[in-house]
PDB file of N, CA and C in Angstrom:
ATOM      1  N   MET A   1      22.380 -16.861 -19.226  1.00  0.00           N
ATOM      2  CA  MET A   1      23.339 -16.102 -18.457  1.00  0.00           C
ATOM      3  C   MET A   1      22.574 -15.033 -17.683  1.00  0.00           C
ATOM      4  N   PHE A   2      23.104 -14.711 -16.494  1.00  0.00           N
ATOM      5  CA  PHE A   2      22.505 -13.710 -15.618  1.00  0.00           C
ATOM      6  C   PHE A   2      23.513 -12.599 -15.355  1.00  0.00           C
ATOM      7  N   VAL A   3      22.998 -11.412 -15.060  1.00  0.00           N
ATOM      8  CA  VAL A   3      23.842 -10.287 -14.668  1.00  0.00           C
ATOM      9  C   VAL A   3      23.358  -9.783 -13.309  1.00  0.00           C
ATOM     10  N   VAL A   4      24.319  -9.519 -12.431  1.00  0.00           N
ATOM     11  CA  VAL A   4      24.034  -8.863 -11.162  1.00  0.00           C
ATOM     12  C   VAL A   4      24.499  -7.424 -11.318  1.00  0.00           C
ATOM     13  N   ILE A   5      23.576  -6.496 -11.138  1.00  0.00           N
ATOM     14  CA  ILE A   5      23.862  -5.069 -11.267  1.00  0.00           C
ATOM     15  C   ILE A   5      23.873  -4.479  -9.858  1.00  0.00           C
ATOM     16  N   PHE A   6      25.026  -3.964  -9.466  1.00  0.00           N
ATOM     17  CA  PHE A   6      25.194  -3.356  -8.152  1.00  0.00           C
ATOM     18  C   PHE A   6      25.425  -1.862  -8.367  1.00  0.00           C
ATOM     19  N   ARG A   7      24.494  -1.030  -7.862  1.00  0.00           N
ATOM     20  CA  ARG A   7      24.624   0.425  -7.983  1.00  0.00           C
ATOM     21  C   ARG A   7      24.652   1.006  -6.578  1.00  0.00           C
ATOM     22  N   ALA A   8      25.665   1.837  -6.307  1.00  0.00           N
ATOM     23  CA  ALA A   8      25.830   2.343  -4.949  1.00  0.00           C
ATOM     24  C   ALA A   8      26.167   3.826  -4.927  1.00  0.00           C
ATOM     25  N   LYS A   9      25.806   4.447  -3.809  1.00  0.00           N
ATOM     26  CA  LYS A   9      26.272   5.782  -3.453  1.00  0.00           C
ATOM     27  C   LYS A   9      27.376   5.567  -2.424  1.00  0.00           C
ATOM     28  N   VAL A  10      28.563   6.027  -2.760  1.00  0.00           N
ATOM     29  CA  VAL A  10      29.730   5.805  -1.913  1.00  0.00           C
ATOM     30  C   VAL A  10      29.727   6.798  -0.748  1.00  0.00           C
ATOM     31  N   LYS A  11      29.962   6.267   0.449  1.00  0.00           N
ATOM     32  CA  LYS A  11      30.136   7.103   1.639  1.00  0.00           C
ATOM     33  C   LYS A  11      31.613   7.475   1.744  1.00  0.00           C
ATOM     34  N   ALA A  12      32.478   6.466   1.797  1.00  0.00           N
ATOM     35  CA  ALA A  12      33.929   6.681   1.881  1.00  0.00           C
ATOM     36  C   ALA A  12      34.633   5.355   1.635  1.00  0.00           C
ATOM     37  N   PHE A  13      35.707   5.409   0.878  1.00  0.00           N
ATOM     38  CA  PHE A  13      36.529   4.224   0.667  1.00  0.00           C
ATOM     39  C   PHE A  13      37.841   4.398   1.419  1.00  0.00           C
ATOM     40  N   ASP A  14      38.413   3.293   1.856  1.00  0.00           N
ATOM     41  CA  ASP A  14      39.695   3.304   2.528  1.00  0.00           C
ATOM     42  C   ASP A  14      40.563   2.192   1.938  1.00  0.00           C
ATOM     43  N   ASP A  15      41.755   2.010   2.488  1.00  0.00           N
ATOM     44  CA  ASP A  15      42.664   0.982   1.977  1.00  0.00           C
ATOM     45  C   ASP A  15      42.068  -0.421   2.101  1.00  0.00           C
ATOM     46  N   GLU A  16      41.330  -0.660   3.179  1.00  0.00           N
ATOM     47  CA  GLU A  16      40.729  -1.980   3.361  1.00  0.00           C
ATOM     48  C   GLU A  16      39.705  -2.265   2.264  1.00  0.00           C
ATOM     49  N   TYR A  17      38.977  -1.249   1.830  1.00  0.00           N
ATOM     50  CA  TYR A  17      38.011  -1.431   0.756  1.00  0.00           C
ATOM     51  C   TYR A  17      38.693  -1.982  -0.492  1.00  0.00           C
ATOM     52  N   THR A  18      39.820  -1.392  -0.855  1.00  0.00           N
ATOM     53  CA  THR A  18      40.546  -1.820  -2.054  1.00  0.00           C
ATOM     54  C   THR A  18      40.946  -3.283  -1.953  1.00  0.00           C
ATOM     55  N   GLN A  19      41.428  -3.687  -0.794  1.00  0.00           N
ATOM     56  CA  GLN A  19      41.830  -5.086  -0.577  1.00  0.00           C
ATOM     57  C   GLN A  19      40.627  -6.028  -0.618  1.00  0.00           C
ATOM     58  N   VAL A  20      39.557  -5.647   0.049  1.00  0.00           N
ATOM     59  CA  VAL A  20      38.355  -6.490   0.099  1.00  0.00           C
ATOM     60  C   VAL A  20      37.740  -6.596  -1.292  1.00  0.00           C
ATOM     61  N   ALA A  21      37.659  -5.495  -2.019  1.00  0.00           N
ATOM     62  CA  ALA A  21      37.073  -5.514  -3.363  1.00  0.00           C
ATOM     63  C   ALA A  21      37.871  -6.441  -4.281  1.00  0.00           C
ATOM     64  N   ALA A  22      39.191  -6.379  -4.215  1.00  0.00           N
ATOM     65  CA  ALA A  22      40.029  -7.254  -5.040  1.00  0.00           C
ATOM     66  C   ALA A  22      39.825  -8.721  -4.669  1.00  0.00           C
ATOM     67  N   ARG A  23      39.711  -9.005  -3.386  1.00  0.00           N
ATOM     68  CA  ARG A  23      39.490 -10.387  -2.931  1.00  0.00           C
ATOM     69  C   ARG A  23      38.112 -10.888  -3.382  1.00  0.00           C
ATOM     70  N   MET A  24      37.092 -10.050  -3.295  1.00  0.00           N
ATOM     71  CA  MET A  24      35.749 -10.458  -3.698  1.00  0.00           C
ATOM     72  C   MET A  24      35.706 -10.761  -5.196  1.00  0.00           C
ATOM     73  N   ARG A  25      36.368  -9.943  -5.981  1.00  0.00           N
ATOM     74  CA  ARG A  25      36.434 -10.175  -7.428  1.00  0.00           C
ATOM     75  C   ARG A  25      37.141 -11.505  -7.715  1.00  0.00           C
ATOM     76  N   GLU A  26      38.266 -11.731  -7.037  1.00  0.00           N
ATOM     77  CA  GLU A  26      39.032 -12.969  -7.229  1.00  0.00           C
ATOM     78  C   GLU A  26      38.192 -14.196  -6.865  1.00  0.00           C
ATOM     79  N   LEU A  27      37.518 -14.148  -5.721  1.00  0.00           N
ATOM     80  CA  LEU A  27      36.670 -15.272  -5.302  1.00  0.00           C
ATOM     81  C   LEU A  27      35.539 -15.526  -6.304  1.00  0.00           C
ATOM     82  N   ALA A  28      34.874 -14.466  -6.707  1.00  0.00           N
ATOM     83  CA  ALA A  28      33.748 -14.604  -7.641  1.00  0.00           C
ATOM     84  C   ALA A  28      34.204 -15.289  -8.923  1.00  0.00           C
ATOM     85  N   LEU A  29      35.325 -14.830  -9.477  1.00  0.00           N
ATOM     86  CA  LEU A  29      35.803 -15.349 -10.765  1.00  0.00           C
ATOM     87  C   LEU A  29      36.411 -16.741 -10.657  1.00  0.00           C
ATOM     88  N   LYS A  30      37.137 -17.001  -9.589  1.00  0.00           N
ATOM     89  CA  LYS A  30      37.880 -18.267  -9.495  1.00  0.00           C
ATOM     90  C   LYS A  30      37.131 -19.390  -8.802  1.00  0.00           C
ATOM     91  N   GLU A  31      36.227 -19.047  -7.870  1.00  0.00           N
ATOM     92  CA  GLU A  31      35.602 -20.108  -7.077  1.00  0.00           C
ATOM     93  C   GLU A  31      34.096 -20.237  -7.242  1.00  0.00           C
ATOM     94  N   PHE A  32      33.440 -19.216  -7.813  1.00  0.00           N
ATOM     95  CA  PHE A  32      31.981 -19.258  -7.853  1.00  0.00           C
ATOM     96  C   PHE A  32      31.391 -19.207  -9.252  1.00  0.00           C
ATOM     97  N   GLY A  33      32.233 -19.297 -10.266  1.00  0.00           N
ATOM     98  CA  GLY A  33      31.731 -19.391 -11.626  1.00  0.00           C
ATOM     99  C   GLY A  33      31.379 -18.082 -12.299  1.00  0.00           C
ATOM    100  N   CYS A  34      31.747 -16.964 -11.697  1.00  0.00           N
ATOM    101  CA  CYS A  34      31.497 -15.668 -12.331  1.00  0.00           C
ATOM    102  C   CYS A  34      32.226 -15.632 -13.675  1.00  0.00           C
ATOM    103  N   LEU A  35      31.527 -15.211 -14.712  1.00  0.00           N
ATOM    104  CA  LEU A  35      32.079 -15.219 -16.066  1.00  0.00           C
ATOM    105  C   LEU A  35      32.844 -13.934 -16.394  1.00  0.00           C
ATOM    106  N   ASP A  36      32.421 -12.819 -15.818  1.00  0.00           N
ATOM    107  CA  ASP A  36      33.073 -11.536 -16.061  1.00  0.00           C
ATOM    108  C   ASP A  36      32.634 -10.589 -14.956  1.00  0.00           C
ATOM    109  N   PHE A  37      33.473  -9.607 -14.673  1.00  0.00           N
ATOM    110  CA  PHE A  37      33.189  -8.660 -13.594  1.00  0.00           C
ATOM    111  C   PHE A  37      33.752  -7.305 -14.001  1.00  0.00           C
ATOM    112  N   GLN A  38      32.904  -6.295 -14.090  1.00  0.00           N
ATOM    113  CA  GLN A  38      33.308  -4.946 -14.479  1.00  0.00           C
ATOM    114  C   GLN A  38      32.766  -3.967 -13.449  1.00  0.00           C
ATOM    115  N   ALA A  39      33.590  -3.003 -13.045  1.00  0.00           N
ATOM    116  CA  ALA A  39      33.132  -1.976 -12.099  1.00  0.00           C
ATOM    117  C   ALA A  39      33.678  -0.619 -12.526  1.00  0.00           C
ATOM    118  N   VAL A  40      32.846   0.413 -12.348  1.00  0.00           N
ATOM    119  CA  VAL A  40      33.252   1.782 -12.652  1.00  0.00           C
ATOM    120  C   VAL A  40      32.721   2.707 -11.557  1.00  0.00           C
ATOM    121  N   SER A  41      33.462   3.809 -11.360  1.00  0.00           N
ATOM    122  CA  SER A  41      33.050   4.821 -10.387  1.00  0.00           C
ATOM    123  C   SER A  41      33.131   6.189 -11.038  1.00  0.00           C
ATOM    124  N   GLU A  42      32.203   7.043 -10.634  1.00  0.00           N
ATOM    125  CA  GLU A  42      32.214   8.440 -11.069  1.00  0.00           C
ATOM    126  C   GLU A  42      31.642   9.260  -9.922  1.00  0.00           C
ATOM    127  N   GLY A  43      32.455  10.137  -9.376  1.00  0.00           N
ATOM    128  CA  GLY A  43      32.001  10.881  -8.202  1.00  0.00           C
ATOM    129  C   GLY A  43      31.706   9.913  -7.082  1.00  0.00           C
ATOM    130  N   ASN A  44      30.507  10.037  -6.464  1.00  0.00           N
ATOM    131  CA  ASN A  44      30.148   9.031  -5.452  1.00  0.00           C
ATOM    132  C   ASN A  44      29.260   7.925  -5.977  1.00  0.00           C
ATOM    133  N   ASP A  45      29.193   7.760  -7.262  1.00  0.00           N
ATOM    134  CA  ASP A  45      28.414   6.657  -7.840  1.00  0.00           C
ATOM    135  C   ASP A  45      29.341   5.514  -8.250  1.00  0.00           C
ATOM    136  N   GLU A  46      28.942   4.320  -7.870  1.00  0.00           N
ATOM    137  CA  GLU A  46      29.676   3.125  -8.283  1.00  0.00           C
ATOM    138  C   GLU A  46      28.687   2.159  -8.932  1.00  0.00           C
ATOM    139  N   VAL A  47      29.110   1.550 -10.022  1.00  0.00           N
ATOM    140  CA  VAL A  47      28.300   0.533 -10.696  1.00  0.00           C
ATOM    141  C   VAL A  47      29.202  -0.669 -10.955  1.00  0.00           C
ATOM    142  N   ALA A  48      28.729  -1.840 -10.569  1.00  0.00           N
ATOM    143  CA  ALA A  48      29.455  -3.074 -10.846  1.00  0.00           C
ATOM    144  C   ALA A  48      28.507  -4.047 -11.538  1.00  0.00           C
ATOM    145  N   LEU A  49      29.004  -4.671 -12.584  1.00  0.00           N
ATOM    146  CA  LEU A  49      28.246  -5.684 -13.323  1.00  0.00           C
ATOM    147  C   LEU A  49      29.017  -6.989 -13.237  1.00  0.00           C
ATOM    148  N   SER A  50      28.351  -8.027 -12.771  1.00  0.00           N
ATOM    149  CA  SER A  50      28.979  -9.348 -12.777  1.00  0.00           C
ATOM    150  C   SER A  50      28.059 -10.308 -13.518  1.00  0.00           C
ATOM    151  N   TYR A  51      28.658 -11.166 -14.297  1.00  0.00           N
ATOM    152  CA  TYR A  51      27.918 -12.076 -15.179  1.00  0.00           C
ATOM    153  C   TYR A  51      28.078 -13.505 -14.686  1.00  0.00           C
ATOM    154  N   TRP A  52      26.976 -14.237 -14.652  1.00  0.00           N
ATOM    155  CA  TRP A  52      26.930 -15.562 -14.026  1.00  0.00           C
ATOM    156  C   TRP A  52      26.199 -16.558 -14.928  1.00  0.00           C
ATOM    157  N   PRO A  53      26.574 -17.833 -14.841  1.00  0.00           N
ATOM    158  CA  PRO A  53      25.910 -18.830 -15.675  1.00  0.00           C
ATOM    159  C   PRO A  53      24.493 -19.174 -15.205  1.00  0.00           C
ATOM    160  N   ASP A  54      24.228 -19.035 -13.884  1.00  0.00           N
ATOM    161  CA  ASP A  54      22.919 -19.427 -13.349  1.00  0.00           C
ATOM    162  C   ASP A  54      22.686 -18.773 -11.989  1.00  0.00           C
ATOM    163  N   GLU A  55      21.446 -18.828 -11.536  1.00  0.00           N
ATOM    164  CA  GLU A  55      21.084 -18.215 -10.268  1.00  0.00           C
ATOM    165  C   GLU A  55      21.670 -18.939  -9.063  1.00  0.00           C
ATOM    166  N   SER A  56      21.878 -20.237  -9.166  1.00  0.00           N
ATOM    167  CA  SER A  56      22.447 -20.960  -8.024  1.00  0.00           C
ATOM    168  C   SER A  56      23.875 -20.501  -7.744  1.00  0.00           C
ATOM    169  N   SER A  57      24.624 -20.146  -8.772  1.00  0.00           N
ATOM    170  CA  SER A  57      25.975 -19.596  -8.570  1.00  0.00           C
ATOM    171  C   SER A  57      25.912 -18.255  -7.851  1.00  0.00           C
ATOM    172  N   ILE A  58      24.940 -17.442  -8.211  1.00  0.00           N
ATOM    173  CA  ILE A  58      24.761 -16.133  -7.567  1.00  0.00           C
ATOM    174  C   ILE A  58      24.405 -16.321  -6.097  1.00  0.00           C
ATOM    175  N   ARG A  59      23.493 -17.233  -5.805  1.00  0.00           N
ATOM    176  CA  ARG A  59      23.091 -17.482  -4.413  1.00  0.00           C
ATOM    177  C   ARG A  59      24.265 -18.001  -3.589  1.00  0.00           C
ATOM    178  N   ALA A  60      25.055 -18.913  -4.161  1.00  0.00           N
ATOM    179  CA  ALA A  60      26.225 -19.447  -3.447  1.00  0.00           C
ATOM    180  C   ALA A  60      27.214 -18.334  -3.138  1.00  0.00           C
ATOM    181  N   TRP A  61      27.446 -17.464  -4.112  1.00  0.00           N
ATOM    182  CA  TRP A  61      28.343 -16.327  -3.932  1.00  0.00           C
ATOM    183  C   TRP A  61      27.824 -15.385  -2.847  1.00  0.00           C
ATOM    184  N   LYS A  62      26.534 -15.058  -2.883  1.00  0.00           N
ATOM    185  CA  LYS A  62      25.957 -14.126  -1.920  1.00  0.00           C
ATOM    186  C   LYS A  62      26.071 -14.635  -0.493  1.00  0.00           C
ATOM    187  N   SER A  63      25.996 -15.942  -0.303  1.00  0.00           N
ATOM    188  CA  SER A  63      26.001 -16.492   1.053  1.00  0.00           C
ATOM    189  C   SER A  63      27.382 -16.946   1.534  1.00  0.00           C
ATOM    190  N   HIS A  64      28.416 -16.813   0.709  1.00  0.00           N
ATOM    191  CA  HIS A  64      29.771 -17.204   1.135  1.00  0.00           C
ATOM    192  C   HIS A  64      30.210 -16.318   2.305  1.00  0.00           C
ATOM    193  N   SER A  65      30.861 -16.916   3.305  1.00  0.00           N
ATOM    194  CA  SER A  65      31.180 -16.202   4.549  1.00  0.00           C
ATOM    195  C   SER A  65      32.007 -14.930   4.329  1.00  0.00           C
ATOM    196  N   GLU A  66      32.997 -14.952   3.449  1.00  0.00           N
ATOM    197  CA  GLU A  66      33.799 -13.751   3.200  1.00  0.00           C
ATOM    198  C   GLU A  66      32.964 -12.658   2.533  1.00  0.00           C
ATOM    199  N   HIS A  67      32.058 -13.076   1.659  1.00  0.00           N
ATOM    200  CA  HIS A  67      31.206 -12.088   0.985  1.00  0.00           C
ATOM    201  C   HIS A  67      30.193 -11.502   1.964  1.00  0.00           C
ATOM    202  N   VAL A  68      29.676 -12.323   2.868  1.00  0.00           N
ATOM    203  CA  VAL A  68      28.745 -11.829   3.883  1.00  0.00           C
ATOM    204  C   VAL A  68      29.432 -10.756   4.735  1.00  0.00           C
ATOM    205  N   LEU A  69      30.689 -10.990   5.121  1.00  0.00           N
ATOM    206  CA  LEU A  69      31.442 -10.002   5.888  1.00  0.00           C
ATOM    207  C   LEU A  69      31.664  -8.724   5.073  1.00  0.00           C
ATOM    208  N   ALA A  70      32.003  -8.875   3.801  1.00  0.00           N
ATOM    209  CA  ALA A  70      32.203  -7.708   2.929  1.00  0.00           C
ATOM    210  C   ALA A  70      30.913  -6.905   2.800  1.00  0.00           C
ATOM    211  N   GLN A  71      29.768  -7.596   2.708  1.00  0.00           N
ATOM    212  CA  GLN A  71      28.484  -6.899   2.624  1.00  0.00           C
ATOM    213  C   GLN A  71      28.231  -6.087   3.895  1.00  0.00           C
ATOM    214  N   GLN A  72      28.548  -6.672   5.039  1.00  0.00           N
ATOM    215  CA  GLN A  72      28.365  -5.981   6.314  1.00  0.00           C
ATOM    216  C   GLN A  72      29.258  -4.734   6.388  1.00  0.00           C
ATOM    217  N   LEU A  73      30.526  -4.873   6.001  1.00  0.00           N
ATOM    218  CA  LEU A  73      31.438  -3.729   5.999  1.00  0.00           C
ATOM    219  C   LEU A  73      30.937  -2.647   5.046  1.00  0.00           C
ATOM    220  N   GLY A  74      30.403  -3.064   3.891  1.00  0.00           N
ATOM    221  CA  GLY A  74      29.860  -2.111   2.934  1.00  0.00           C
ATOM    222  C   GLY A  74      28.726  -1.292   3.532  1.00  0.00           C
ATOM    223  N   ARG A  75      27.819  -1.979   4.210  1.00  0.00           N
ATOM    224  CA  ARG A  75      26.682  -1.277   4.832  1.00  0.00           C
ATOM    225  C   ARG A  75      27.150  -0.338   5.946  1.00  0.00           C
ATOM    226  N   GLU A  76      28.120  -0.785   6.729  1.00  0.00           N
ATOM    227  CA  GLU A  76      28.557  -0.003   7.886  1.00  0.00           C
ATOM    228  C   GLU A  76      29.514   1.136   7.524  1.00  0.00           C
ATOM    229  N   ARG A  77      30.408   0.923   6.545  1.00  0.00           N
ATOM    230  CA  ARG A  77      31.493   1.880   6.342  1.00  0.00           C
ATOM    231  C   ARG A  77      31.577   2.506   4.958  1.00  0.00           C
ATOM    232  N   TRP A  78      31.314   1.765   3.901  1.00  0.00           N
ATOM    233  CA  TRP A  78      31.688   2.237   2.576  1.00  0.00           C
ATOM    234  C   TRP A  78      30.545   2.819   1.755  1.00  0.00           C
ATOM    235  N   TYR A  79      29.329   2.358   1.977  1.00  0.00           N
ATOM    236  CA  TYR A  79      28.215   2.791   1.129  1.00  0.00           C
ATOM    237  C   TYR A  79      27.144   3.525   1.920  1.00  0.00           C
ATOM    238  N   GLU A  80      26.695   4.628   1.344  1.00  0.00           N
ATOM    239  CA  GLU A  80      25.560   5.370   1.876  1.00  0.00           C
ATOM    240  C   GLU A  80      24.279   4.583   1.597  1.00  0.00           C
ATOM    241  N   SER A  81      24.195   4.066   0.365  1.00  0.00           N
ATOM    242  CA  SER A  81      23.049   3.254  -0.052  1.00  0.00           C
ATOM    243  C   SER A  81      23.463   2.435  -1.267  1.00  0.00           C
ATOM    244  N   TYR A  82      22.705   1.381  -1.526  1.00  0.00           N
ATOM    245  CA  TYR A  82      22.958   0.600  -2.739  1.00  0.00           C
ATOM    246  C   TYR A  82      21.718  -0.182  -3.131  1.00  0.00           C
ATOM    247  N   ILE A  83      21.711  -0.594  -4.371  1.00  0.00           N
ATOM    248  CA  ILE A  83      20.646  -1.434  -4.896  1.00  0.00           C
ATOM    249  C   ILE A  83      21.302  -2.549  -5.702  1.00  0.00           C
ATOM    250  N   VAL A  84      20.733  -3.733  -5.581  1.00  0.00           N
ATOM    251  CA  VAL A  84      21.212  -4.894  -6.337  1.00  0.00           C
ATOM    252  C   VAL A  84      20.056  -5.389  -7.199  1.00  0.00           C
ATOM    253  N   GLN A  85      20.334  -5.546  -8.467  1.00  0.00           N
ATOM    254  CA  GLN A  85      19.333  -6.077  -9.395  1.00  0.00           C
ATOM    255  C   GLN A  85      19.925  -7.306 -10.078  1.00  0.00           C
ATOM    256  N   ILE A  86      19.099  -8.303 -10.309  1.00  0.00           N
ATOM    257  CA  ILE A  86      19.527  -9.517 -11.002  1.00  0.00           C
ATOM    258  C   ILE A  86      18.614  -9.690 -12.207  1.00  0.00           C
ATOM    259  N   ALA A  87      19.228  -9.849 -13.370  1.00  0.00           N
ATOM    260  CA  ALA A  87      18.460  -9.973 -14.605  1.00  0.00           C
ATOM    261  C   ALA A  87      19.018 -11.112 -15.451  1.00  0.00           C
ATOM    262  N   GLN A  88      18.155 -11.686 -16.243  1.00  0.00           N
ATOM    263  CA  GLN A  88      18.587 -12.718 -17.173  1.00  0.00           C
ATOM    264  C   GLN A  88      18.858 -12.078 -18.525  1.00  0.00           C
ATOM    265  N   ILE A  89      19.974 -12.418 -19.106  1.00  0.00           N
ATOM    266  CA  ILE A  89      20.338 -11.915 -20.426  1.00  0.00           C
ATOM    267  C   ILE A  89      19.819 -12.915 -21.452  1.00  0.00           C
ATOM    268  N   THR A  90      18.969 -12.452 -22.327  1.00  0.00           N
ATOM    269  CA  THR A  90      18.391 -13.353 -23.322  1.00  0.00           C
ATOM    270  C   THR A  90      19.060 -13.227 -24.695  1.00  0.00           C
ATOM    271  N   ARG A  91      19.762 -12.112 -24.917  1.00  0.00           N
ATOM    272  CA  ARG A  91      20.443 -11.886 -26.181  1.00  0.00           C
ATOM    273  C   ARG A  91      21.698 -11.077 -25.929  1.00  0.00           C
ATOM    274  N   GLU A  92      22.690 -11.291 -26.786  1.00  0.00           N
ATOM    275  CA  GLU A  92      23.934 -10.527 -26.680  1.00  0.00           C
ATOM    276  C   GLU A  92      24.472 -10.302 -28.088  1.00  0.00           C
ATOM    277  N   TYR A  93      24.932  -9.103 -28.337  1.00  0.00           N
ATOM    278  CA  TYR A  93      25.537  -8.769 -29.634  1.00  0.00           C
ATOM    279  C   TYR A  93      26.943  -8.264 -29.396  1.00  0.00           C
ATOM    280  N   LYS A  94      27.868  -8.647 -30.251  1.00  0.00           N
ATOM    281  CA  LYS A  94      29.248  -8.154 -30.150  1.00  0.00           C
ATOM    282  C   LYS A  94      29.678  -7.625 -31.508  1.00  0.00           C
ATOM    283  N   VAL A  95      30.430  -6.534 -31.481  1.00  0.00           N
ATOM    284  CA  VAL A  95      30.969  -5.950 -32.707  1.00  0.00           C
ATOM    285  C   VAL A  95      32.458  -5.714 -32.472  1.00  0.00           C
ATOM    286  N   GLY A  96      33.272  -6.141 -33.401  1.00  0.00           N
ATOM    287  CA  GLY A  96      34.704  -5.865 -33.331  1.00  0.00           C
ATOM    288  C   GLY A  96      35.447  -6.585 -32.233  1.00  0.00           C
ATOM    289  N   VAL A  97      34.949  -7.690 -31.801  1.00  0.00           N
ATOM    290  CA  VAL A  97      35.618  -8.436 -30.728  1.00  0.00           C
ATOM    291  C   VAL A  97      36.293  -9.657 -31.301  1.00  0.00           C
TER     292      VAL A  97
END
């Protein structure tokens, strides 16, 4: 399993951001094999973690036309800066689940 870690400094969010973010989450989970998607914000910091079965699913998601447009809008309007990291999860522990 792989995790995509998206960390951003928020410039400004608007109503369109909320709609686009919800659509991107829906597409990732329903059409591209995303296993889980969690996002949190504090002040102007945003962190999103998405979990994927393999790297080919991540690449397909990154290059999907709607996601490419969302990335462009993010760079132009919503984010001051961001970093994306992709890591492989080799172990997982759960307690009380």
